[in-house]
N, C-alpha and C. Protein backbone atom coordinates (compact mmCIF):
# COMPACT_ATOMS: atom_id res chain seq x y z
N VAL A 1 38.24 11.93 29.96
CA VAL A 1 37.82 12.56 28.66
C VAL A 1 37.22 13.61 29.11
N SER A 2 37.93 14.71 28.46
CA SER A 2 37.11 16.01 28.87
C SER A 2 35.87 16.67 28.33
N SER A 3 34.98 17.36 28.84
CA SER A 3 33.85 17.55 28.43
C SER A 3 33.94 17.52 27.00
N LYS A 4 34.80 18.78 26.16
CA LYS A 4 34.77 19.31 24.89
C LYS A 4 34.92 17.72 24.06
N GLU A 5 35.67 16.87 24.32
CA GLU A 5 35.76 15.52 23.74
C GLU A 5 34.53 14.56 23.72
N ASN A 6 33.52 14.14 24.68
CA ASN A 6 32.73 13.94 24.70
C ASN A 6 31.68 14.24 24.04
N LYS A 7 31.50 15.57 24.36
CA LYS A 7 30.35 16.51 23.29
C LYS A 7 30.23 15.62 22.02
N ASN A 8 31.74 16.03 21.33
CA ASN A 8 32.00 15.19 20.17
C ASN A 8 31.83 14.00 19.63
N ASN A 9 31.56 13.24 20.37
CA ASN A 9 31.63 11.50 20.56
C ASN A 9 30.36 11.17 20.71
N VAL A 10 29.13 11.68 21.15
CA VAL A 10 28.53 11.32 21.77
C VAL A 10 27.29 11.56 20.49
N ARG A 11 26.47 10.87 20.18
CA ARG A 11 25.81 10.81 19.36
C ARG A 11 24.68 11.80 19.82
N GLY A 12 23.77 12.73 18.48
CA GLY A 12 22.72 13.24 18.85
C GLY A 12 21.69 12.79 19.15
N ASP A 13 19.98 13.23 19.79
CA ASP A 13 18.81 12.77 20.25
C ASP A 13 18.27 12.34 19.41
N ASP A 14 18.74 11.55 18.35
CA ASP A 14 18.00 10.83 17.26
C ASP A 14 16.73 9.75 17.81
N ARG A 15 15.55 10.14 17.71
CA ARG A 15 14.77 9.21 17.75
C ARG A 15 13.96 9.24 16.47
N ILE A 16 12.87 7.87 17.00
CA ILE A 16 12.23 7.45 15.36
C ILE A 16 10.79 8.57 15.30
N VAL A 17 10.35 9.35 16.19
CA VAL A 17 9.35 10.50 15.97
C VAL A 17 10.16 11.93 15.10
N ASP A 18 11.54 11.80 14.44
CA ASP A 18 11.89 12.66 14.09
C ASP A 18 11.41 12.36 12.42
N ILE A 19 11.33 10.86 12.11
CA ILE A 19 11.06 11.15 10.87
C ILE A 19 9.56 11.05 10.71
N PHE A 20 8.70 11.33 11.69
CA PHE A 20 7.44 11.81 11.55
C PHE A 20 7.15 13.24 11.70
N LYS A 21 8.17 14.01 11.90
CA LYS A 21 8.16 15.40 12.22
C LYS A 21 8.03 15.91 10.79
N TYR A 22 8.73 15.46 9.73
CA TYR A 22 8.88 16.02 8.38
C TYR A 22 7.97 15.40 7.50
N SER A 23 7.44 16.01 6.77
CA SER A 23 6.24 15.58 5.69
C SER A 23 6.92 14.35 4.36
N LYS A 24 8.19 15.12 3.86
CA LYS A 24 9.19 14.51 3.06
C LYS A 24 9.21 12.88 3.43
N PHE A 25 10.01 12.61 4.91
CA PHE A 25 9.87 11.64 5.32
C PHE A 25 8.87 10.94 5.94
N ARG A 26 7.68 11.36 6.13
CA ARG A 26 6.61 10.62 6.40
C ARG A 26 6.15 9.85 5.15
N LEU A 27 6.33 10.74 4.03
CA LEU A 27 5.85 10.13 2.88
C LEU A 27 6.79 9.22 2.32
N TYR A 28 8.09 9.17 2.38
CA TYR A 28 9.35 8.18 1.77
C TYR A 28 9.00 6.81 2.87
N VAL A 29 8.51 6.93 3.97
CA VAL A 29 8.47 5.82 5.06
C VAL A 29 6.96 5.36 4.25
N LEU A 30 5.92 6.27 4.39
CA LEU A 30 4.63 5.21 3.56
C LEU A 30 4.81 4.56 2.19
N ILE A 31 5.42 5.30 1.47
CA ILE A 31 5.79 4.85 0.05
C ILE A 31 6.77 2.87 0.23
N MET A 32 7.42 3.55 1.11
CA MET A 32 8.39 2.18 1.13
C MET A 32 7.84 1.09 1.88
N ALA A 33 7.00 1.37 2.83
CA ALA A 33 6.47 0.58 3.88
C ALA A 33 5.35 -0.17 3.02
N LEU A 34 4.51 0.35 1.84
CA LEU A 34 3.62 -0.02 0.84
C LEU A 34 4.39 -0.82 -0.38
N ASN A 35 5.35 -0.49 -0.71
CA ASN A 35 6.44 -1.68 -1.27
C ASN A 35 7.24 -2.68 -0.85
N TRP A 36 7.46 -2.48 0.45
CA TRP A 36 7.90 -3.75 1.12
C TRP A 36 6.58 -4.63 1.40
N PHE A 37 5.72 -4.19 1.67
CA PHE A 37 4.32 -4.99 1.56
C PHE A 37 3.84 -6.00 0.57
N ALA A 38 3.73 -5.08 -0.65
CA ALA A 38 3.64 -5.68 -2.29
C ALA A 38 4.18 -6.51 -2.57
N THR A 39 5.84 -6.27 -2.31
CA THR A 39 6.93 -7.08 -3.09
C THR A 39 7.08 -8.31 -1.90
N SER A 40 6.92 -7.98 -0.59
CA SER A 40 6.91 -9.63 0.14
C SER A 40 5.60 -10.58 0.05
N LEU A 41 4.93 -10.16 -0.44
CA LEU A 41 3.11 -10.74 -0.18
C LEU A 41 3.47 -11.60 -1.83
N VAL A 42 4.22 -10.70 -2.74
CA VAL A 42 4.41 -11.57 -4.09
C VAL A 42 5.54 -12.60 -4.12
N TYR A 43 6.24 -12.06 -3.47
CA TYR A 43 7.78 -12.63 -3.58
C TYR A 43 7.29 -14.22 -2.28
N ASP A 44 6.79 -13.93 -1.43
CA ASP A 44 6.56 -14.88 -0.76
C ASP A 44 5.38 -15.85 -1.07
N GLY A 45 4.47 -15.31 -1.48
CA GLY A 45 3.28 -16.40 -2.09
C GLY A 45 3.48 -16.92 -3.05
N LEU A 46 4.68 -16.59 -3.92
CA LEU A 46 4.96 -16.82 -5.17
C LEU A 46 5.96 -18.18 -4.82
N THR A 47 6.82 -18.38 -3.74
CA THR A 47 8.00 -19.29 -3.32
C THR A 47 6.45 -20.27 -2.43
N TYR A 48 5.74 -19.96 -1.80
CA TYR A 48 4.71 -21.12 -1.14
C TYR A 48 4.00 -21.83 -2.27
N LEU A 49 3.62 -20.87 -3.19
CA LEU A 49 2.84 -21.75 -4.45
C LEU A 49 3.84 -22.73 -5.49
N ASN A 50 4.97 -22.49 -5.17
CA ASN A 50 6.08 -23.19 -6.05
C ASN A 50 5.99 -24.93 -6.58
N ASN A 51 5.25 -25.08 -5.15
CA ASN A 51 4.71 -26.87 -5.56
C ASN A 51 3.43 -27.04 -6.69
N PHE A 52 2.87 -25.53 -7.22
CA PHE A 52 1.96 -26.12 -7.90
C PHE A 52 2.36 -25.73 -9.18
N VAL A 53 3.46 -25.66 -9.39
CA VAL A 53 3.56 -25.79 -11.29
C VAL A 53 4.15 -26.70 -11.89
N GLY A 54 4.61 -27.65 -11.11
CA GLY A 54 5.01 -29.17 -11.48
C GLY A 54 4.49 -30.43 -10.56
N GLU A 55 4.45 -31.34 -11.41
CA GLU A 55 4.20 -32.24 -10.80
C GLU A 55 5.12 -32.89 -9.31
N ASN A 56 6.32 -32.90 -9.49
CA ASN A 56 7.40 -33.19 -8.71
C ASN A 56 7.59 -32.17 -7.65
N ILE A 57 6.80 -31.71 -6.76
CA ILE A 57 7.48 -30.97 -5.59
C ILE A 57 8.98 -30.24 -5.10
N PHE A 58 9.61 -31.58 -5.42
CA PHE A 58 11.13 -30.96 -4.80
C PHE A 58 11.65 -30.67 -6.52
N ILE A 59 11.61 -31.05 -7.45
CA ILE A 59 11.94 -30.01 -8.56
C ILE A 59 11.57 -29.26 -8.63
N SER A 60 9.88 -29.00 -8.52
CA SER A 60 9.61 -27.47 -8.85
C SER A 60 10.36 -26.64 -7.94
N TRP A 61 10.87 -27.19 -6.59
CA TRP A 61 11.21 -26.14 -5.81
C TRP A 61 12.45 -25.51 -6.14
N VAL A 62 13.43 -26.26 -6.73
CA VAL A 62 15.01 -26.31 -7.22
C VAL A 62 14.85 -25.65 -8.27
N LEU A 63 13.78 -25.85 -9.13
CA LEU A 63 13.98 -24.97 -10.75
C LEU A 63 13.33 -23.56 -10.29
N MET A 64 12.60 -23.42 -9.72
CA MET A 64 11.96 -21.88 -9.38
C MET A 64 13.10 -21.16 -8.71
N ASN A 65 13.80 -21.83 -7.55
CA ASN A 65 14.89 -21.15 -6.71
C ASN A 65 16.13 -20.79 -7.42
N LEU A 66 16.36 -21.94 -8.67
CA LEU A 66 17.36 -21.42 -9.72
C LEU A 66 17.49 -20.58 -10.42
N PHE A 67 16.32 -19.41 -10.35
CA PHE A 67 16.16 -18.78 -11.11
C PHE A 67 16.12 -17.01 -10.97
N GLU A 68 16.50 -17.42 -9.28
CA GLU A 68 16.65 -16.18 -8.45
C GLU A 68 17.97 -15.92 -8.66
N LEU A 69 19.29 -16.45 -8.68
CA LEU A 69 20.61 -16.31 -8.81
C LEU A 69 20.51 -15.35 -10.56
N PRO A 70 20.06 -15.68 -11.58
CA PRO A 70 20.42 -14.87 -12.94
C PRO A 70 19.34 -13.27 -12.45
N ALA A 71 18.32 -13.70 -11.93
CA ALA A 71 17.02 -12.60 -11.56
C ALA A 71 18.13 -11.53 -10.85
N GLN A 72 19.21 -12.14 -9.76
CA GLN A 72 19.92 -11.11 -9.32
C GLN A 72 21.11 -10.05 -10.01
N PHE A 73 21.77 -11.13 -10.90
CA PHE A 73 22.30 -10.54 -11.56
C PHE A 73 21.77 -9.72 -12.73
N PHE A 74 20.45 -10.00 -13.20
CA PHE A 74 19.50 -8.88 -14.34
C PHE A 74 19.38 -7.85 -13.65
N CYS A 75 19.05 -8.10 -12.23
CA CYS A 75 18.71 -6.54 -11.18
C CYS A 75 19.94 -6.07 -11.12
N TYR A 76 21.27 -6.01 -11.55
CA TYR A 76 22.19 -5.43 -10.87
C TYR A 76 22.43 -4.71 -12.23
N ILE A 77 22.06 -5.28 -13.08
CA ILE A 77 22.36 -4.75 -14.89
C ILE A 77 21.26 -3.46 -14.64
N LEU A 78 19.97 -3.80 -14.49
CA LEU A 78 19.36 -3.03 -14.44
C LEU A 78 19.10 -1.84 -13.40
N ILE A 79 19.66 -1.82 -12.74
CA ILE A 79 19.90 -1.02 -11.59
C ILE A 79 20.82 0.18 -11.72
N SER A 80 22.04 -0.62 -12.60
CA SER A 80 23.04 0.36 -13.05
C SER A 80 22.68 0.82 -14.29
N LYS A 81 21.61 0.75 -14.93
CA LYS A 81 21.31 0.99 -16.28
C LYS A 81 20.33 2.47 -16.01
N TYR A 82 19.05 2.03 -15.35
CA TYR A 82 18.07 3.00 -15.02
C TYR A 82 17.84 3.39 -13.71
N GLY A 83 18.74 3.08 -12.62
CA GLY A 83 18.52 3.02 -11.31
C GLY A 83 17.37 2.52 -10.65
N ARG A 84 17.55 3.04 -9.31
CA ARG A 84 16.68 2.16 -8.40
C ARG A 84 15.38 2.42 -8.57
N ARG A 85 14.93 3.72 -8.43
CA ARG A 85 13.54 4.24 -8.56
C ARG A 85 12.64 3.21 -9.84
N VAL A 86 13.49 3.27 -10.96
CA VAL A 86 12.68 3.02 -11.89
C VAL A 86 13.15 1.20 -11.97
N SER A 87 13.84 0.57 -11.49
CA SER A 87 13.99 -0.77 -11.44
C SER A 87 13.06 -1.51 -10.59
N VAL A 88 12.88 -0.71 -8.81
CA VAL A 88 11.57 -1.22 -8.74
C VAL A 88 10.33 -0.90 -9.26
N CYS A 89 10.09 -0.05 -9.79
CA CYS A 89 8.90 0.39 -10.54
C CYS A 89 8.22 -0.51 -11.52
N LEU A 90 9.07 -0.93 -12.13
CA LEU A 90 9.24 -1.66 -13.74
C LEU A 90 9.58 -3.05 -13.37
N THR A 91 10.09 -4.07 -12.49
CA THR A 91 9.77 -5.14 -11.99
C THR A 91 8.43 -5.21 -11.15
N LEU A 92 8.23 -4.51 -10.64
CA LEU A 92 6.97 -4.56 -9.94
C LEU A 92 5.45 -4.80 -10.66
N VAL A 93 5.56 -3.86 -11.70
CA VAL A 93 4.64 -3.70 -12.93
C VAL A 93 4.69 -5.29 -13.76
N LEU A 94 6.32 -5.60 -14.35
CA LEU A 94 6.64 -6.67 -14.81
C LEU A 94 5.64 -7.88 -14.16
N ALA A 95 6.02 -8.21 -13.14
CA ALA A 95 5.52 -9.37 -12.02
C ALA A 95 3.75 -9.11 -11.87
N GLY A 96 3.31 -8.13 -11.86
CA GLY A 96 1.86 -7.69 -11.87
C GLY A 96 0.82 -8.42 -12.96
N VAL A 97 1.64 -7.94 -14.01
CA VAL A 97 1.22 -8.10 -15.51
C VAL A 97 1.43 -9.83 -15.83
N ALA A 98 2.63 -10.16 -15.66
CA ALA A 98 2.91 -11.81 -15.70
C ALA A 98 1.49 -12.37 -14.96
N LEU A 99 1.32 -12.07 -13.27
CA LEU A 99 0.56 -13.18 -12.79
C LEU A 99 -1.17 -12.65 -13.27
N LEU A 100 -1.17 -11.49 -13.61
CA LEU A 100 -2.89 -11.31 -14.46
C LEU A 100 -2.93 -12.00 -15.26
N LEU A 101 -1.96 -11.95 -16.04
CA LEU A 101 -2.11 -12.94 -17.40
C LEU A 101 -2.05 -14.74 -16.94
N THR A 102 -1.52 -14.77 -15.63
CA THR A 102 -1.36 -16.23 -15.38
C THR A 102 -3.05 -16.59 -15.11
N CYS A 103 -3.49 -15.50 -14.45
CA CYS A 103 -4.77 -15.87 -13.76
C CYS A 103 -6.03 -15.85 -14.99
N ALA A 104 -5.43 -15.04 -16.29
CA ALA A 104 -6.48 -14.85 -17.46
C ALA A 104 -6.47 -16.10 -18.12
N CYS A 105 -5.26 -16.93 -17.98
CA CYS A 105 -4.84 -18.31 -18.57
C CYS A 105 -5.93 -18.99 -17.70
N ASN A 106 -6.10 -19.20 -16.24
CA ASN A 106 -6.92 -20.27 -15.66
C ASN A 106 -8.32 -19.87 -15.89
N LEU A 107 -8.95 -18.16 -16.44
CA LEU A 107 -10.30 -18.11 -16.74
C LEU A 107 -10.38 -18.69 -17.92
N ILE A 108 -9.87 -18.54 -19.07
CA ILE A 108 -10.23 -18.92 -20.18
C ILE A 108 -9.99 -20.27 -20.66
N ASP A 109 -11.06 -20.82 -21.12
CA ASP A 109 -10.98 -22.26 -21.27
C ASP A 109 -9.47 -22.98 -22.10
N ALA A 110 -9.87 -22.27 -23.47
CA ALA A 110 -8.74 -22.44 -24.23
C ALA A 110 -7.37 -22.55 -23.64
N LEU A 111 -6.92 -21.72 -22.85
CA LEU A 111 -5.60 -21.78 -22.54
C LEU A 111 -5.18 -21.93 -21.07
N ASN A 112 -6.56 -22.80 -20.56
CA ASN A 112 -6.11 -23.28 -19.26
C ASN A 112 -5.52 -24.82 -19.35
N SER A 113 -5.89 -25.31 -20.72
CA SER A 113 -5.05 -26.19 -20.54
C SER A 113 -3.60 -26.68 -21.12
N ILE A 114 -3.06 -24.95 -21.14
CA ILE A 114 -1.76 -24.75 -21.78
C ILE A 114 -0.79 -24.61 -20.59
N GLU A 115 -0.32 -25.88 -19.91
CA GLU A 115 0.36 -25.53 -18.62
C GLU A 115 1.48 -24.94 -18.97
N TRP A 116 2.02 -25.56 -20.11
CA TRP A 116 3.67 -24.78 -20.62
C TRP A 116 3.90 -23.04 -20.35
N LEU A 117 2.29 -22.41 -20.86
CA LEU A 117 2.16 -20.85 -20.91
C LEU A 117 2.24 -20.42 -19.55
N LYS A 118 1.45 -21.31 -18.64
CA LYS A 118 1.16 -20.92 -17.19
C LYS A 118 2.18 -20.98 -16.69
N THR A 119 3.45 -21.72 -16.92
CA THR A 119 4.66 -22.25 -16.18
C THR A 119 5.44 -21.05 -16.53
N ILE A 120 5.70 -20.86 -17.96
CA ILE A 120 6.22 -19.82 -18.28
C ILE A 120 5.98 -18.14 -17.44
N LEU A 121 4.63 -18.21 -17.30
CA LEU A 121 4.17 -16.87 -16.88
C LEU A 121 4.60 -16.76 -15.37
N PHE A 122 4.36 -17.76 -14.67
CA PHE A 122 4.89 -17.92 -13.29
C PHE A 122 6.31 -17.92 -12.75
N ILE A 123 7.03 -18.20 -13.75
CA ILE A 123 8.48 -17.87 -13.84
C ILE A 123 9.15 -16.83 -14.01
N LEU A 124 8.36 -15.90 -15.24
CA LEU A 124 8.81 -14.43 -15.34
C LEU A 124 8.31 -13.74 -14.05
N ALA A 125 6.80 -14.29 -13.56
CA ALA A 125 6.32 -13.10 -12.40
C ALA A 125 8.24 -13.35 -11.27
N LYS A 126 8.09 -14.80 -10.98
CA LYS A 126 9.16 -15.12 -9.77
C LYS A 126 10.41 -14.45 -10.03
N PHE A 127 11.01 -14.44 -11.23
CA PHE A 127 12.27 -13.87 -11.89
C PHE A 127 11.80 -12.11 -11.51
N SER A 128 10.93 -11.67 -12.24
CA SER A 128 10.61 -10.02 -11.79
C SER A 128 10.30 -9.53 -10.40
N ILE A 129 9.83 -10.50 -9.54
CA ILE A 129 9.90 -10.00 -8.02
C ILE A 129 10.69 -10.16 -7.30
N THR A 130 11.74 -11.26 -8.01
CA THR A 130 13.16 -11.11 -7.09
C THR A 130 13.93 -10.09 -7.37
N GLN A 131 13.82 -9.53 -8.78
CA GLN A 131 14.37 -8.36 -8.82
C GLN A 131 14.19 -6.94 -8.11
N SER A 132 12.92 -7.28 -8.23
CA SER A 132 12.27 -5.76 -7.06
C SER A 132 12.40 -6.18 -5.88
N TYR A 133 12.47 -7.15 -5.52
CA TYR A 133 12.98 -7.43 -4.00
C TYR A 133 14.17 -7.03 -3.56
N SER A 134 15.33 -7.71 -4.63
CA SER A 134 16.72 -7.02 -4.32
C SER A 134 16.68 -5.67 -4.81
N ALA A 135 15.82 -4.75 -5.69
CA ALA A 135 16.23 -3.53 -5.60
C ALA A 135 15.43 -2.70 -4.67
N ILE A 136 14.44 -3.23 -3.97
CA ILE A 136 14.12 -2.34 -2.71
C ILE A 136 15.34 -2.39 -1.54
N ILE A 137 15.72 -3.71 -1.51
CA ILE A 137 16.40 -3.57 -0.32
C ILE A 137 17.45 -2.81 -0.42
N ILE A 138 18.21 -2.19 -1.74
CA ILE A 138 19.12 -1.20 -1.88
C ILE A 138 18.57 0.16 -1.81
N HIS A 139 17.31 0.18 -2.73
CA HIS A 139 16.50 1.70 -2.43
C HIS A 139 16.09 2.10 -1.15
N ALA A 140 15.56 1.30 -0.53
CA ALA A 140 14.98 1.79 0.90
C ALA A 140 15.94 2.65 1.61
N PRO A 141 17.09 2.29 1.94
CA PRO A 141 17.81 2.66 3.12
C PRO A 141 18.43 4.25 2.54
N GLU A 142 18.76 4.11 1.36
CA GLU A 142 19.24 5.59 0.52
C GLU A 142 18.16 6.89 0.66
N LEU A 143 16.96 6.33 0.98
CA LEU A 143 15.98 7.57 1.24
C LEU A 143 16.25 8.43 2.28
N PHE A 144 16.74 7.92 3.13
CA PHE A 144 16.63 8.76 4.56
C PHE A 144 17.89 9.28 4.76
N PRO A 145 18.32 10.41 5.75
CA PRO A 145 19.58 10.92 6.12
C PRO A 145 20.08 9.78 6.92
N THR A 146 21.69 9.78 7.25
CA THR A 146 22.55 8.97 7.77
C THR A 146 21.76 8.63 9.32
N ASN A 147 21.20 9.82 10.25
CA ASN A 147 20.97 10.02 11.14
C ASN A 147 19.63 9.26 11.46
N LEU A 148 19.00 9.06 10.52
CA LEU A 148 17.24 8.34 10.44
C LEU A 148 17.54 7.34 9.84
N ARG A 149 18.15 7.03 9.08
CA ARG A 149 18.68 5.74 7.88
C ARG A 149 18.14 4.58 8.74
N SER A 150 18.28 4.07 9.76
CA SER A 150 18.07 2.98 10.50
C SER A 150 16.56 2.99 11.12
N PHE A 151 16.17 3.90 11.50
CA PHE A 151 14.79 4.05 11.91
C PHE A 151 13.99 3.99 10.55
N GLY A 152 13.85 4.80 9.52
CA GLY A 152 13.34 4.39 8.22
C GLY A 152 13.39 2.98 7.76
N TYR A 153 14.66 2.67 7.58
CA TYR A 153 14.72 1.35 6.83
C TYR A 153 14.03 0.47 7.72
N GLY A 154 14.32 0.42 9.22
CA GLY A 154 13.13 -0.27 9.87
C GLY A 154 12.20 -0.83 9.74
N ILE A 155 11.07 0.47 9.64
CA ILE A 155 10.00 0.66 9.52
C ILE A 155 9.29 0.26 8.32
N SER A 156 10.24 0.30 7.27
CA SER A 156 10.11 -0.22 5.72
C SER A 156 10.18 -1.56 6.10
N LEU A 157 11.14 -2.46 6.55
CA LEU A 157 11.11 -3.50 6.79
C LEU A 157 10.59 -4.04 7.62
N PHE A 158 9.89 -3.70 8.77
CA PHE A 158 8.69 -4.18 9.53
C PHE A 158 7.65 -4.49 8.33
N SER A 159 7.36 -3.67 7.73
CA SER A 159 6.05 -3.88 6.99
C SER A 159 6.14 -4.84 6.11
N GLY A 160 7.59 -5.81 5.72
CA GLY A 160 7.71 -6.64 4.83
C GLY A 160 7.62 -7.64 5.20
N LYS A 161 7.93 -7.53 6.82
CA LYS A 161 8.29 -8.74 7.61
C LYS A 161 7.23 -9.16 8.08
N LEU A 162 5.91 -8.22 8.23
CA LEU A 162 4.62 -8.73 9.21
C LEU A 162 3.96 -9.34 7.75
N THR A 163 4.28 -8.86 6.41
CA THR A 163 3.69 -9.16 5.93
C THR A 163 4.17 -10.34 5.29
N ALA A 164 5.27 -11.24 5.43
CA ALA A 164 6.10 -12.52 5.26
C ALA A 164 5.16 -13.60 6.42
N ILE A 165 4.65 -12.71 7.61
CA ILE A 165 3.62 -13.55 8.42
C ILE A 165 2.46 -14.04 7.74
N ILE A 166 1.65 -12.98 6.83
CA ILE A 166 0.42 -13.79 6.49
C ILE A 166 0.72 -14.06 5.41
N SER A 167 1.71 -14.00 4.70
CA SER A 167 1.41 -14.45 2.88
C SER A 167 1.01 -16.00 2.87
N PRO A 168 1.78 -16.83 3.72
CA PRO A 168 1.05 -18.57 3.57
C PRO A 168 -0.60 -18.27 3.77
N LEU A 169 -0.66 -17.63 4.58
CA LEU A 169 -2.40 -17.83 4.66
C LEU A 169 -3.09 -16.98 3.71
N ILE A 170 -2.32 -16.07 2.96
CA ILE A 170 -3.28 -15.72 1.91
C ILE A 170 -2.87 -16.33 0.76
N SER A 171 -1.75 -16.71 0.38
CA SER A 171 -1.50 -17.62 -1.07
C SER A 171 -2.14 -18.91 -0.60
N LEU A 172 -2.47 -19.50 0.45
CA LEU A 172 -2.95 -21.06 0.52
C LEU A 172 -4.59 -20.64 0.60
N TYR A 173 -5.32 -19.44 0.73
CA TYR A 173 -6.44 -19.18 0.89
C TYR A 173 -6.97 -18.80 -0.88
N LEU A 174 -6.27 -18.18 -1.66
CA LEU A 174 -5.99 -17.49 -2.68
C LEU A 174 -6.30 -18.79 -3.54
N VAL A 175 -5.61 -19.82 -3.59
CA VAL A 175 -5.43 -21.40 -4.35
C VAL A 175 -6.89 -21.83 -4.28
N LYS A 176 -7.59 -21.84 -2.73
CA LYS A 176 -8.88 -22.54 -2.89
C LYS A 176 -9.79 -21.69 -3.37
N ILE A 177 -9.44 -20.31 -3.91
CA ILE A 177 -10.65 -19.70 -4.67
C ILE A 177 -10.50 -20.00 -6.24
């Protein structure tokens, strides 16, 4: 192989530090790391709290996970119509509102006894956070140029996986509160 061919086949000296050189990419990494953190925390927390929805743990687990397939399909429609950024934002807000309403039901004595309302709100939160998780998986790598994509996506994904480690502790602790 000649030296000219070798130069064309060799990849550039791309380093993880290159992401932090430019303020635009630093901002993207920060925003995506926070998005992955929030999405993973809620998604994993709701997955661990499936057994608090119904009386039978196994039926609750199956029913809650059956909602993920329609959520994926609906996410595809939502992304096709509104785009990735709006879809992530909309589904995160919807999950947050559903969870806040669930907490409000627990605090208000008149609504605390209505189990079906809390179950519907929990399902809505699980449905929307599943969509957010799917949309963020698609959206995160598209923010970075090709030569830095694996680094940027890796840092963002690391934030989500780190959250997945601590989310069982947080969700189980919050149930006691």
